[in-house]
N, C-alpha and C. Protein backbone atom coordinates (compact mmCIF):
# COMPACT_ATOMS: atom_id res chain seq x y z
N MET A 1 99.32 120.72 81.78
CA MET A 1 100.18 119.40 81.41
C MET A 1 101.07 119.85 82.75
N LYS A 2 100.86 118.54 83.36
CA LYS A 2 101.68 118.73 84.96
C LYS A 2 103.36 118.27 84.66
N LYS A 3 103.84 119.03 85.28
CA LYS A 3 105.89 119.00 85.53
C LYS A 3 106.11 117.60 86.39
N LEU A 4 106.95 116.73 85.21
CA LEU A 4 107.70 115.77 86.34
C LEU A 4 107.96 116.01 87.78
N HIS A 5 108.54 117.27 87.44
CA HIS A 5 109.44 117.43 88.68
C HIS A 5 108.97 118.79 89.40
N GLN A 6 107.97 118.25 90.38
CA GLN A 6 107.44 119.90 91.15
C GLN A 6 108.08 119.86 92.16
N HIS A 7 109.31 120.65 92.29
CA HIS A 7 110.09 120.86 93.70
C HIS A 7 109.24 122.24 94.71
N ASP A 8 108.59 122.94 94.35
CA ASP A 8 107.92 124.20 94.85
C ASP A 8 106.70 123.40 95.89
N GLN A 9 106.39 122.18 95.54
CA GLN A 9 104.82 121.49 96.19
C GLN A 9 105.38 120.32 97.13
N ALA A 10 104.61 120.56 98.42
CA ALA A 10 105.03 119.58 99.32
C ALA A 10 104.53 118.50 98.90
N ASP A 11 103.36 117.98 97.94
CA ASP A 11 102.36 116.96 97.82
C ASP A 11 103.45 116.11 96.93
N PRO A 12 103.54 114.66 97.00
CA PRO A 12 104.04 114.16 95.76
C PRO A 12 103.57 114.17 94.50
N CYS A 13 104.20 114.18 93.45
CA CYS A 13 103.86 114.30 92.21
C CYS A 13 103.96 112.60 91.30
N PHE A 14 102.22 112.48 91.12
CA PHE A 14 102.12 111.03 90.20
C PHE A 14 101.58 111.65 89.17
N ILE A 15 102.55 110.68 87.97
CA ILE A 15 102.62 110.48 86.63
C ILE A 15 100.80 110.52 85.90
N THR A 16 100.41 109.74 86.81
CA THR A 16 99.07 109.19 86.53
C THR A 16 97.88 109.10 87.72
N ASP A 17 96.87 109.70 87.38
CA ASP A 17 95.77 109.80 88.31
C ASP A 17 94.89 108.75 89.08
N GLY A 18 94.72 108.00 88.12
CA GLY A 18 93.86 106.69 87.58
C GLY A 18 94.18 105.48 89.02
N PRO A 19 93.15 104.33 88.70
CA PRO A 19 93.32 103.84 89.87
C PRO A 19 94.39 102.64 89.84
N PRO A 20 94.88 102.19 90.95
CA PRO A 20 95.80 101.47 90.90
C PRO A 20 95.72 99.98 90.05
N SER A 21 97.12 99.63 89.14
CA SER A 21 96.89 98.32 88.34
C SER A 21 96.08 97.35 88.50
N ASN A 22 95.43 96.51 88.35
CA ASN A 22 95.24 95.31 88.83
C ASN A 22 95.59 93.93 88.67
N ASP A 23 96.65 94.41 87.68
CA ASP A 23 97.70 93.09 87.36
C ASP A 23 99.04 93.13 87.88
N LEU A 24 99.21 94.17 89.43
CA LEU A 24 100.04 93.92 90.30
C LEU A 24 99.65 92.55 90.85
N PRO A 25 101.19 92.36 91.61
CA PRO A 25 100.57 90.70 92.31
C PRO A 25 100.13 91.53 94.22
N ILE A 26 99.55 90.39 95.18
CA ILE A 26 99.17 91.09 96.06
C ILE A 26 100.68 90.64 96.76
N PRO A 27 100.85 91.50 97.84
CA PRO A 27 101.78 91.62 98.49
C PRO A 27 101.74 90.39 99.60
N PRO A 28 102.79 89.65 99.91
CA PRO A 28 102.67 88.94 100.81
C PRO A 28 102.12 88.83 102.13
N HIS A 29 102.44 89.59 102.53
CA HIS A 29 102.15 89.97 104.00
C HIS A 29 100.66 90.63 104.10
N ARG A 30 99.58 90.32 102.99
CA ARG A 30 98.36 90.52 102.70
C ARG A 30 97.79 89.26 102.51
N THR A 31 98.62 87.89 102.48
CA THR A 31 97.77 86.83 102.24
C THR A 31 98.34 85.71 103.28
N MET A 32 99.05 86.32 103.61
CA MET A 32 99.78 85.48 104.73
C MET A 32 99.87 85.95 105.96
N ASN A 33 99.62 85.10 107.09
CA ASN A 33 99.59 85.63 108.60
C ASN A 33 100.96 85.31 109.24
N LEU A 34 101.31 86.00 110.17
CA LEU A 34 102.74 86.19 110.61
C LEU A 34 103.29 84.47 110.78
N PRO A 35 102.73 83.65 111.51
CA PRO A 35 103.80 82.30 111.86
C PRO A 35 103.77 81.89 109.93
N GLN A 36 103.14 81.77 109.13
CA GLN A 36 103.43 81.19 107.65
C GLN A 36 104.50 82.35 107.25
N ILE A 37 104.37 83.30 107.62
CA ILE A 37 106.15 84.00 107.11
C ILE A 37 107.40 83.64 107.42
N LEU A 38 107.31 83.17 109.21
CA LEU A 38 108.19 83.00 109.68
C LEU A 38 108.33 81.53 109.20
N ALA A 39 107.56 80.64 109.05
CA ALA A 39 107.88 79.70 108.60
C ALA A 39 108.28 79.57 106.96
N SER A 40 108.30 80.29 106.47
CA SER A 40 108.70 80.43 104.90
C SER A 40 110.02 80.89 104.81
N LEU A 41 110.95 81.14 106.41
CA LEU A 41 112.27 82.02 106.04
C LEU A 41 113.00 81.16 106.24
N ASN A 42 114.39 81.74 105.94
CA ASN A 42 115.32 80.22 105.99
C ASN A 42 115.94 80.56 107.27
N ASP A 43 116.61 79.72 108.00
CA ASP A 43 117.09 79.76 109.79
C ASP A 43 117.97 80.97 109.92
N GLU A 44 118.72 81.35 108.77
CA GLU A 44 119.57 82.68 109.04
C GLU A 44 118.69 83.89 108.74
N ALA A 45 117.51 84.15 108.08
CA ALA A 45 116.32 84.98 108.08
C ALA A 45 115.91 85.31 109.66
N LEU A 46 115.55 84.23 109.98
CA LEU A 46 114.78 83.67 111.04
C LEU A 46 115.27 84.20 112.46
N ALA A 47 116.97 83.87 112.55
CA ALA A 47 117.92 84.01 113.45
C ALA A 47 117.24 85.61 113.65
N ARG A 48 117.12 86.59 113.18
CA ARG A 48 117.28 87.81 113.15
C ARG A 48 115.63 88.49 113.72
N TRP A 49 115.17 87.90 113.73
CA TRP A 49 113.70 88.22 114.14
C TRP A 49 113.43 88.09 115.63
N PRO A 50 113.01 88.96 116.06
CA PRO A 50 112.74 89.04 117.71
C PRO A 50 111.18 88.87 118.47
N GLY A 51 110.83 88.22 118.83
CA GLY A 51 109.79 87.99 119.42
C GLY A 51 109.52 86.43 119.56
N ASP A 52 107.95 86.26 120.53
CA ASP A 52 107.49 84.81 121.17
C ASP A 52 107.26 83.92 120.03
N LEU A 53 106.62 84.44 118.63
CA LEU A 53 106.30 83.62 117.65
C LEU A 53 107.61 83.27 116.77
N ALA A 54 108.52 84.04 116.73
CA ALA A 54 109.72 83.71 116.06
C ALA A 54 110.72 82.67 116.75
N ASP A 55 110.39 82.64 118.41
CA ASP A 55 110.90 81.67 119.42
C ASP A 55 110.86 80.28 118.91
N ALA A 56 108.72 80.54 118.81
CA ALA A 56 108.24 79.11 118.78
C ALA A 56 108.66 78.65 117.70
N GLU A 57 108.81 79.20 116.29
CA GLU A 57 109.27 78.36 114.98
C GLU A 57 110.77 78.22 115.43
N ARG A 58 111.32 78.91 115.92
CA ARG A 58 112.77 78.25 116.23
C ARG A 58 112.57 77.00 117.04
N GLU A 59 111.89 76.95 117.90
CA GLU A 59 111.97 75.79 118.73
C GLU A 59 111.57 74.24 117.90
N LYS A 60 110.42 74.80 117.16
CA LYS A 60 109.78 74.13 116.34
C LYS A 60 110.47 72.94 115.12
N ARG A 61 111.23 74.43 114.44
CA ARG A 61 111.99 73.61 113.52
C ARG A 61 113.48 72.94 114.33
N ARG A 62 113.74 73.63 115.48
CA ARG A 62 114.85 72.17 116.56
C ARG A 62 114.28 71.12 116.64
N LYS A 63 112.78 71.00 117.12
CA LYS A 63 112.56 69.82 117.53
C LYS A 63 112.28 68.87 116.44
N ALA A 64 112.03 69.32 115.25
CA ALA A 64 111.90 68.70 113.65
C ALA A 64 113.11 67.99 113.78
N GLY A 65 114.38 69.11 113.76
CA GLY A 65 115.61 68.50 113.24
C GLY A 65 116.23 67.43 113.95
N GLY A 66 116.06 67.10 114.99
CA GLY A 66 116.92 66.10 115.70
C GLY A 66 115.80 66.17 116.98
C-alpha cells in the first residue's frame, strides 16, 4: 500500500494511478482562442493584458462604446 506522504521520493505521489476522470469540464483555454478569451474579459481585467491582441480588443470596445 502506498503512503500518502512520501517525503523521501522526488516524484509526486498520486492517490490513484488510473486515467483522468471523464466528467471534468474542459479548461476554457482549450475550447476558446485568445481573441475569444480577451473578448470575454471585463474592462478591468483586459486593462492588465499586454500585447497587440489586447490592444485590438480595447480599440474595438472603444469604437463600440462611443
